[in-house]
């Protein structure tokens, strides 16, 4: 099976790009370094050849030509020819018949000081020689110096490649860890998003399946009593869930515009009580101060208390109480009901989206499973806190604390 780049995990792609970029940089830098070393060593050999030729030329002009010509290194070859091109003298082992340079090379060396790389077999030596020539007192001096120093370049390049390979592996491991650490919140968010989509699809499928069944029955045997009411109930539930989903999507996408303003908490509570005049249980207020003011997004605060009240009304046995009071520089809102409570172990996770519990309070006939999740998001946006408390197995109090 062939792997396609687009199907690889994001972490693997990022690390691969980083390592490939690093190797490319190493390759460019390493090649430049190796080439610079090669040029430096070759220049050193050329300088030695030129210096030896000049010393021999000075010796010819001053004292005459010694035979054999003394040289400092065993791998240095010297040939001296007279004006007619006849061999006069040379270093030990120098070939009197075969010049180190061809005629065209010799002309270039004499005219421009050019250095040539020739095979050492011309002087019965292994390896390569760097050869140049000068004119001195009517003589032609040809000097060849071994390039053995340049043999260090391939060794250096090999060692450099090994070092860079080890560094690349080390950097790759470090990148793998750092990218994984960086992407961990992203992966958690993706997992949360997948779960959310799956839960949303499941929740939307239930009322749609009910509506389909009711309509199929009506198509076969005719409309039944209560069909319209049942359909309206499912449509209303779908509508509420769609609105909640869109609201959460806007919050997740950071598209909601927050407009903090001075809000009268008592006024918001009175509006919510008025909205619940026809609720299945009585909703009342418990206000010690009718002029409580705080800085908040009014619509968001209204939705926080509305969602908490709706949840309490669905589970209360006799009534719901909405309260507000000032406490240590903050405003505390409470929504209390006398329905079945929530076990302490489950009170944190009920704010997750589409959470379902096994107790009686989970048997919610009208909720979307998103109300408390929205509350949690809105409270977090206000940098507030929300806690659940109550005496099991009856009664639940939700407390929202917002800085005033």
Protein backbone atom coordinates (compact mmCIF):
# COMPACT_ATOMS: atom_id res chain seq x y z
CA UNK A 1 0.00 0.00 0.00
CA UNK A 2 1.41 3.36 -1.01
CA UNK A 3 1.28 6.27 1.40
CA UNK A 4 0.09 9.64 0.17
CA UNK A 5 1.42 12.85 1.69
CA UNK A 6 -2.08 14.20 2.32
CA UNK A 7 -3.05 11.10 4.31
CA UNK A 8 -0.09 11.23 6.70
CA UNK A 9 -0.74 12.54 10.24
CA UNK A 10 -0.11 16.25 10.70
CA UNK A 11 2.58 15.58 13.27
CA UNK A 12 4.50 13.34 10.87
CA UNK A 13 4.22 15.87 8.04
CA UNK A 14 5.49 18.74 10.19
CA UNK A 15 8.43 16.72 11.49
CA UNK A 16 9.25 15.47 7.99
CA UNK A 17 9.25 19.02 6.61
CA UNK A 18 11.44 20.19 9.47
CA UNK A 19 13.96 17.38 9.06
CA UNK A 20 14.06 17.73 5.25
CA UNK A 21 14.60 21.47 5.57
CA UNK A 22 17.32 20.87 8.14
CA UNK A 23 19.05 18.29 5.92
CA UNK A 24 18.85 20.67 2.96
CA UNK A 25 20.47 23.38 5.03
CA UNK A 26 23.11 20.96 6.28
CA UNK A 27 23.80 19.78 2.73
CA UNK A 28 24.23 23.29 1.36
CA UNK A 29 26.35 24.42 4.29
CA UNK A 30 28.38 21.21 4.33
CA UNK A 31 29.12 21.35 0.60
CA UNK A 32 30.21 24.95 0.96
CA UNK A 33 32.45 24.08 3.90
CA UNK A 34 34.02 21.09 2.13
CA UNK A 35 34.64 23.15 -1.03
CA UNK A 36 36.20 25.96 1.00
CA UNK A 37 38.50 23.46 2.74
CA UNK A 38 39.46 21.95 -0.61
CA UNK A 39 40.32 25.36 -2.06
CA UNK A 40 42.30 26.32 1.05
CA UNK A 41 44.39 23.15 1.03
CA UNK A 42 44.98 23.34 -2.72
CA UNK A 43 46.06 26.96 -2.38
CA UNK A 44 48.51 25.86 0.32
CA UNK A 45 49.98 23.21 -2.01
CA UNK A 46 50.20 25.72 -4.89
CA UNK A 47 51.95 28.21 -2.62
CA UNK A 48 54.48 25.56 -1.59
CA UNK A 49 55.19 24.66 -5.23
CA UNK A 50 55.68 28.32 -6.20
CA UNK A 51 57.90 29.00 -3.19
CA UNK A 52 60.12 25.97 -3.98
CA UNK A 53 60.47 27.06 -7.62
CA UNK A 54 61.46 30.59 -6.59
CA UNK A 55 64.05 29.29 -4.09
CA UNK A 56 65.63 27.11 -6.76
CA UNK A 57 65.61 30.04 -9.21
CA UNK A 58 67.39 32.24 -6.67
CA UNK A 59 69.90 29.47 -6.01
CA UNK A 60 70.65 29.17 -9.75
CA UNK A 61 71.23 32.90 -10.05
CA UNK A 62 73.48 33.05 -7.00
CA UNK A 63 75.48 29.84 -6.74
CA UNK A 64 74.76 27.86 -9.87
CA UNK A 65 72.73 24.74 -10.27
CA UNK A 66 73.38 21.93 -7.77
CA UNK A 67 72.94 18.32 -8.88
CA UNK A 68 70.83 16.74 -7.59
CA UNK A 69 68.60 19.63 -6.63
CA UNK A 70 67.89 19.48 -2.87
CA UNK A 71 64.23 19.55 -1.82
CA UNK A 72 62.60 19.75 1.60
CA UNK A 73 60.01 17.03 1.03
CA UNK A 74 60.29 13.56 -0.41
CA UNK A 75 57.09 14.05 -2.40
CA UNK A 76 58.45 17.12 -4.21
CA UNK A 77 59.79 16.71 -7.74
CA UNK A 78 62.04 19.29 -9.44
CA UNK A 79 63.13 19.40 -13.09
CA UNK A 80 65.49 22.06 -14.49
CA UNK A 81 65.90 22.56 -18.26
CA UNK A 82 68.24 24.89 -20.13
CA UNK A 83 67.20 27.41 -22.75
CA UNK A 84 67.24 24.73 -25.45
CA UNK A 85 64.96 22.45 -23.44
CA UNK A 86 67.67 19.98 -22.41
CA UNK A 87 67.46 18.46 -18.94
CA UNK A 88 70.23 19.83 -16.73
CA UNK A 89 69.39 18.74 -13.22
CA UNK A 90 66.64 17.68 -10.93
CA UNK A 91 65.68 16.23 -7.60
CA UNK A 92 66.43 12.63 -6.77
CA UNK A 93 64.14 10.41 -8.85
CA UNK A 94 63.20 13.13 -11.37
CA UNK A 95 62.70 11.78 -14.90
CA UNK A 96 65.17 13.50 -17.31
CA UNK A 97 63.19 12.52 -20.37
CA UNK A 98 59.53 13.24 -19.54
CA UNK A 99 58.71 16.79 -18.36
CA UNK A 100 55.98 17.07 -15.76
CA UNK A 101 54.13 19.58 -17.98
CA UNK A 102 53.15 19.32 -21.61
CA UNK A 103 54.35 22.15 -23.89
CA UNK A 104 51.01 24.00 -23.80
CA UNK A 105 50.84 23.66 -20.02
CA UNK A 106 54.42 24.83 -19.67
CA UNK A 107 53.72 27.93 -21.75
CA UNK A 108 50.69 28.78 -19.58
CA UNK A 109 52.63 28.23 -16.35
CA UNK A 110 55.51 30.45 -17.49
CA UNK A 111 53.22 33.18 -18.82
CA UNK A 112 50.57 33.30 -16.12
CA UNK A 113 51.87 31.30 -13.15
CA UNK A 114 49.19 28.68 -13.70
CA UNK A 115 49.17 25.50 -11.59
CA UNK A 116 48.18 22.13 -13.05
CA UNK A 117 47.14 18.84 -11.53
CA UNK A 118 49.02 15.95 -13.15
CA UNK A 119 49.26 12.24 -12.49
CA UNK A 120 52.13 11.25 -10.20
CA UNK A 121 53.12 8.45 -12.61
CA UNK A 122 55.03 11.05 -14.63
CA UNK A 123 57.44 11.18 -11.71
CA UNK A 124 57.05 7.55 -10.62
CA UNK A 125 54.94 8.65 -7.64
CA UNK A 126 51.49 7.59 -6.45
CA UNK A 127 48.66 10.06 -6.38
CA UNK A 128 48.42 13.51 -7.93
CA UNK A 129 50.88 16.41 -8.15
CA UNK A 130 50.31 20.16 -8.34
CA UNK A 131 52.84 21.49 -10.83
CA UNK A 132 53.99 24.98 -11.83
CA UNK A 133 57.02 26.46 -13.61
CA UNK A 134 59.14 29.64 -13.66
CA UNK A 135 62.05 31.03 -15.65
CA UNK A 136 65.29 31.75 -13.78
CA UNK A 137 68.52 33.01 -15.40
CA UNK A 138 67.79 31.34 -18.72
CA UNK A 139 66.62 28.11 -17.11
CA UNK A 140 63.16 26.63 -16.80
CA UNK A 141 62.35 25.29 -13.35
CA UNK A 142 59.41 22.89 -13.04
CA UNK A 143 58.23 21.93 -9.54
CA UNK A 144 55.61 19.36 -8.61
CA UNK A 145 54.27 18.97 -5.05
CA UNK A 146 52.19 16.06 -3.84
CA UNK A 147 48.47 16.70 -3.16
CA UNK A 148 48.43 14.28 -0.22
CA UNK A 149 47.15 17.08 2.02
CA UNK A 150 43.95 17.13 -0.03
CA UNK A 151 43.22 13.52 0.97
CA UNK A 152 41.93 14.96 4.25
CA UNK A 153 38.99 16.53 2.39
CA UNK A 154 37.05 13.27 1.67
CA UNK A 155 37.65 12.13 5.25
CA UNK A 156 36.41 15.45 6.54
CA UNK A 157 33.35 15.27 4.28
CA UNK A 158 32.54 11.75 5.47
CA UNK A 159 32.88 12.73 9.13
CA UNK A 160 30.79 15.83 8.53
CA UNK A 161 28.06 13.77 6.85
CA UNK A 162 27.97 11.34 9.79
CA UNK A 163 27.82 14.22 12.29
CA UNK A 164 25.05 15.97 10.39
CA UNK A 165 23.12 12.70 10.11
CA UNK A 166 23.32 12.20 13.88
CA UNK A 167 22.27 15.82 14.44
CA UNK A 168 19.35 15.38 12.04
CA UNK A 169 18.17 12.29 13.92
CA UNK A 170 18.49 14.13 17.23
CA UNK A 171 16.65 17.16 15.91
CA UNK A 172 13.99 14.88 14.38
CA UNK A 173 13.38 13.22 17.75
CA UNK A 174 13.23 16.61 19.46
CA UNK A 175 10.86 17.94 16.78
CA UNK A 176 8.65 14.87 17.14
CA UNK A 177 8.35 15.51 20.87
CA UNK A 178 7.90 19.29 20.59
CA UNK A 179 5.35 19.08 17.75
CA UNK A 180 3.46 16.40 19.67
CA UNK A 181 3.48 18.58 22.79
CA UNK A 182 2.34 21.61 20.75
CA UNK A 183 -0.38 19.72 18.91
CA UNK A 184 -1.70 17.95 22.00
CA UNK A 185 -4.37 20.65 22.63
CA UNK A 186 -5.24 20.58 18.93
CA UNK A 187 -5.62 16.78 18.93
CA UNK A 188 -7.77 17.04 22.09
CA UNK A 189 -9.90 19.67 20.34
CA UNK A 190 -10.26 17.47 17.25
CA UNK A 191 -11.32 14.53 19.40
CA UNK A 192 -13.79 16.76 21.21
CA UNK A 193 -15.13 18.03 17.88
CA UNK A 194 -15.55 14.48 16.54
CA UNK A 195 -17.42 13.47 19.69
CA UNK A 196 -19.56 16.59 19.48
CA UNK A 197 -20.51 15.93 15.86
CA UNK A 198 -21.33 12.32 16.65
CA UNK A 199 -23.46 13.31 19.65
CA UNK A 200 -25.21 16.05 17.66
CA UNK A 201 -26.02 13.62 14.86
CA UNK A 202 -27.43 11.14 17.38
CA UNK A 203 -29.54 13.77 19.12
CA UNK A 204 -30.88 15.15 15.84
CA UNK A 205 -31.65 11.68 14.53
CA UNK A 206 -34.07 10.83 17.36
CA UNK A 207 -36.70 13.54 16.72
CA UNK A 208 -36.28 13.12 12.98
CA UNK A 209 -36.92 9.38 13.30
CA UNK A 210 -40.02 10.10 15.42
CA UNK A 211 -41.36 12.54 12.86
CA UNK A 212 -40.70 10.12 10.02
CA UNK A 213 -42.49 7.29 11.83
CA UNK A 214 -45.50 9.46 12.65
CA UNK A 215 -45.76 10.68 9.07
CA UNK A 216 -45.43 7.15 7.65
CA UNK A 217 -48.18 5.93 9.96
CA UNK A 218 -50.37 8.86 8.93
CA UNK A 219 -49.72 8.09 5.25
CA UNK A 220 -50.79 4.46 5.67
CA UNK A 221 -53.76 4.59 8.02
CA UNK A 222 -54.59 8.27 8.16
CA UNK A 223 -53.85 11.04 10.69
CA UNK A 224 -54.06 9.93 14.31
CA UNK A 225 -55.20 11.94 17.28
CA UNK A 226 -52.38 14.05 18.65
CA UNK A 227 -50.25 13.74 15.53
CA UNK A 228 -49.95 17.49 15.02
CA UNK A 229 -49.02 18.06 18.67
CA UNK A 230 -46.38 15.33 18.54
CA UNK A 231 -44.90 16.74 15.35
CA UNK A 232 -44.84 20.24 16.79
CA UNK A 233 -43.08 18.96 19.91
CA UNK A 234 -40.37 17.31 17.82
CA UNK A 235 -40.05 20.38 15.57
CA UNK A 236 -39.70 22.63 18.63
CA UNK A 237 -37.00 20.36 20.02
CA UNK A 238 -35.18 20.38 16.69
CA UNK A 239 -35.45 24.16 16.59
CA UNK A 240 -34.01 24.56 20.10
CA UNK A 241 -31.19 22.16 19.36
CA UNK A 242 -30.36 23.90 16.07
CA UNK A 243 -30.23 27.28 17.82
CA UNK A 244 -27.99 25.87 20.55
CA UNK A 245 -25.69 24.24 18.02
CA UNK A 246 -25.38 27.47 16.04
CA UNK A 247 -24.73 29.41 19.23
CA UNK A 248 -21.96 27.02 20.27
CA UNK A 249 -20.49 27.12 16.76
CA UNK A 250 -20.32 30.91 16.93
CA UNK A 251 -18.63 30.72 20.32
CA UNK A 252 -16.13 28.12 19.14
CA UNK A 253 -15.35 30.24 16.11
CA UNK A 254 -14.88 33.37 18.24
CA UNK A 255 -17.40 35.20 16.08
CA UNK A 256 -19.60 36.40 18.93
CA UNK A 257 -19.19 40.10 19.73
CA UNK A 258 -19.04 40.69 23.48
CA UNK A 259 -20.49 43.98 24.66
CA UNK A 260 -19.85 44.45 28.38
CA UNK A 261 -22.13 47.03 29.92
CA UNK A 262 -23.63 47.98 33.26
CA UNK A 263 -26.40 45.45 33.93
CA UNK A 264 -29.07 45.50 36.65
CA UNK A 265 -29.11 41.91 37.88
CA UNK A 266 -32.49 42.22 39.55
CA UNK A 267 -34.06 43.46 36.33
CA UNK A 268 -32.70 40.48 34.37
CA UNK A 269 -34.07 38.08 37.00
CA UNK A 270 -37.50 39.70 36.88
CA UNK A 271 -37.54 39.28 33.09
CA UNK A 272 -36.73 35.58 33.41
CA UNK A 273 -39.45 35.06 36.00
CA UNK A 274 -41.91 36.80 33.68
CA UNK A 275 -40.85 34.48 30.85
CA UNK A 276 -41.63 31.48 33.07
CA UNK A 277 -45.09 32.55 34.27
CA UNK A 278 -46.64 29.53 32.56
CA UNK A 279 -43.94 27.04 33.58
CA UNK A 280 -44.97 23.68 35.05
CA UNK A 281 -43.73 24.80 38.49
CA UNK A 282 -43.58 28.17 40.17
CA UNK A 283 -40.49 30.32 39.59
CA UNK A 284 -39.80 33.01 42.20
CA UNK A 285 -37.01 35.47 43.03
CA UNK A 286 -34.95 35.83 46.18
CA UNK A 287 -33.37 39.29 46.00
CA UNK A 288 -31.82 41.04 48.98
CA UNK A 289 -30.80 44.05 46.91
CA UNK A 290 -33.04 45.22 44.04
CA UNK A 291 -30.25 47.44 42.61
CA UNK A 292 -27.43 44.96 42.06
CA UNK A 293 -25.22 46.25 39.22
CA UNK A 294 -22.38 44.47 37.42
CA UNK A 295 -20.41 44.77 34.20
CA UNK A 296 -21.41 41.96 31.84
CA UNK A 297 -22.84 41.12 28.45
CA UNK A 298 -26.55 41.48 29.14
CA UNK A 299 -27.68 38.97 26.52
CA UNK A 300 -25.15 36.42 27.75
CA UNK A 301 -26.19 36.87 31.38
CA UNK A 302 -29.83 36.50 30.39
CA UNK A 303 -29.03 33.26 28.58
CA UNK A 304 -27.00 31.90 31.50
CA UNK A 305 -29.87 32.37 33.96
CA UNK A 306 -32.50 31.28 31.41
CA UNK A 307 -30.72 27.99 30.67
CA UNK A 308 -30.22 27.27 34.36
CA UNK A 309 -33.87 28.08 35.07
CA UNK A 310 -35.13 25.93 32.19
CA UNK A 311 -33.06 23.03 33.47
CA UNK A 312 -34.35 23.52 37.01
CA UNK A 313 -38.00 23.78 35.87
CA UNK A 314 -37.79 20.49 33.98
CA UNK A 315 -36.70 18.64 37.12
CA UNK A 316 -38.24 20.56 40.02
CA UNK A 317 -41.06 18.98 42.01
CA UNK A 318 -42.70 22.13 43.40
CA UNK A 319 -40.72 25.22 42.47
CA UNK A 320 -37.57 27.07 41.45
CA UNK A 321 -35.88 29.99 43.22
CA UNK A 322 -33.60 32.49 41.44
CA UNK A 323 -31.42 34.54 43.75
CA UNK A 324 -28.69 37.17 43.53
CA UNK A 325 -26.48 38.79 46.14
CA UNK A 326 -23.23 40.67 46.49
CA UNK A 327 -20.38 38.70 48.03
CA UNK A 328 -16.75 39.88 48.39
CA UNK A 329 -16.65 42.11 45.32
CA UNK A 330 -18.63 39.73 43.11
CA UNK A 331 -22.25 39.00 42.30
CA UNK A 332 -23.46 35.48 43.05
CA UNK A 333 -26.48 34.18 41.16
CA UNK A 334 -28.20 31.05 42.40
CA UNK A 335 -30.85 28.85 40.77
CA UNK A 336 -32.30 26.27 43.18
CA UNK A 337 -34.81 23.48 42.55
CA UNK A 338 -36.21 20.68 44.68
CA UNK A 339 -35.99 17.97 42.05
CA UNK A 340 -33.69 14.94 41.98
CA UNK A 341 -30.14 16.00 42.65
CA UNK A 342 -26.94 15.14 40.81
CA UNK A 343 -24.33 12.91 42.49
CA UNK A 344 -21.24 14.83 43.48
CA UNK A 345 -19.07 12.65 41.22
CA UNK A 346 -21.07 13.76 38.15
CA UNK A 347 -21.42 17.48 38.85
CA UNK A 348 -18.38 18.51 36.85
CA UNK A 349 -19.12 16.54 33.71
CA UNK A 350 -22.76 17.65 33.36
CA UNK A 351 -21.37 20.81 31.72
CA UNK A 352 -19.95 18.74 28.86
CA UNK A 353 -21.93 18.76 25.64
CA UNK A 354 -24.58 16.05 25.32
CA UNK A 355 -23.70 14.53 28.69
CA UNK A 356 -26.13 11.82 29.77
CA UNK A 357 -26.34 10.54 33.35
CA UNK A 358 -27.87 7.32 34.59
CA UNK A 359 -29.95 8.80 37.40
CA UNK A 360 -33.49 10.19 37.33
CA UNK A 361 -32.33 13.71 36.48
CA UNK A 362 -30.90 12.43 33.16
CA UNK A 363 -34.37 11.49 31.92
CA UNK A 364 -34.88 14.87 30.32
CA UNK A 365 -37.96 15.03 28.14
CA UNK A 366 -37.39 18.48 26.67
CA UNK A 367 -33.73 19.42 26.92
CA UNK A 368 -31.19 19.42 24.12
CA UNK A 369 -28.21 18.36 26.21
CA UNK A 370 -26.50 21.65 25.39
CA UNK A 371 -27.98 24.11 27.86
CA UNK A 372 -25.46 23.60 30.65
CA UNK A 373 -22.60 23.44 28.15
CA UNK A 374 -23.62 26.88 26.87
CA UNK A 375 -23.80 28.16 30.44
CA UNK A 376 -20.30 26.90 31.15
CA UNK A 377 -18.93 28.57 27.99
CA UNK A 378 -20.62 31.90 28.73
CA UNK A 379 -19.48 31.93 32.36
CA UNK A 380 -15.91 31.18 31.23
CA UNK A 381 -16.12 34.07 28.75
CA UNK A 382 -16.95 36.34 31.71
CA UNK A 383 -14.02 34.85 33.67
CA UNK A 384 -16.49 33.67 36.26
CA UNK A 385 -17.15 30.35 37.94
CA UNK A 386 -20.11 28.00 38.20
CA UNK A 387 -20.60 25.27 40.78
CA UNK A 388 -23.34 22.78 41.60
CA UNK A 389 -24.27 21.81 45.14
CA UNK A 390 -27.17 20.28 47.00
CA UNK A 391 -28.22 17.62 49.45
CA UNK A 392 -28.54 14.27 47.71
CA UNK A 393 -30.79 12.74 46.61
CA UNK A 394 -33.08 15.79 46.36
CA UNK A 395 -32.44 19.37 45.43
CA UNK A 396 -29.81 21.12 43.34
CA UNK A 397 -28.36 24.62 43.54
CA UNK A 398 -26.37 26.16 40.69
CA UNK A 399 -24.15 29.07 41.77
CA UNK A 400 -22.68 31.48 39.22
CA UNK A 401 -20.10 33.95 40.50
CA UNK A 402 -19.27 36.95 38.29
CA UNK A 403 -16.96 39.84 39.13
CA UNK A 404 -19.00 43.00 39.59
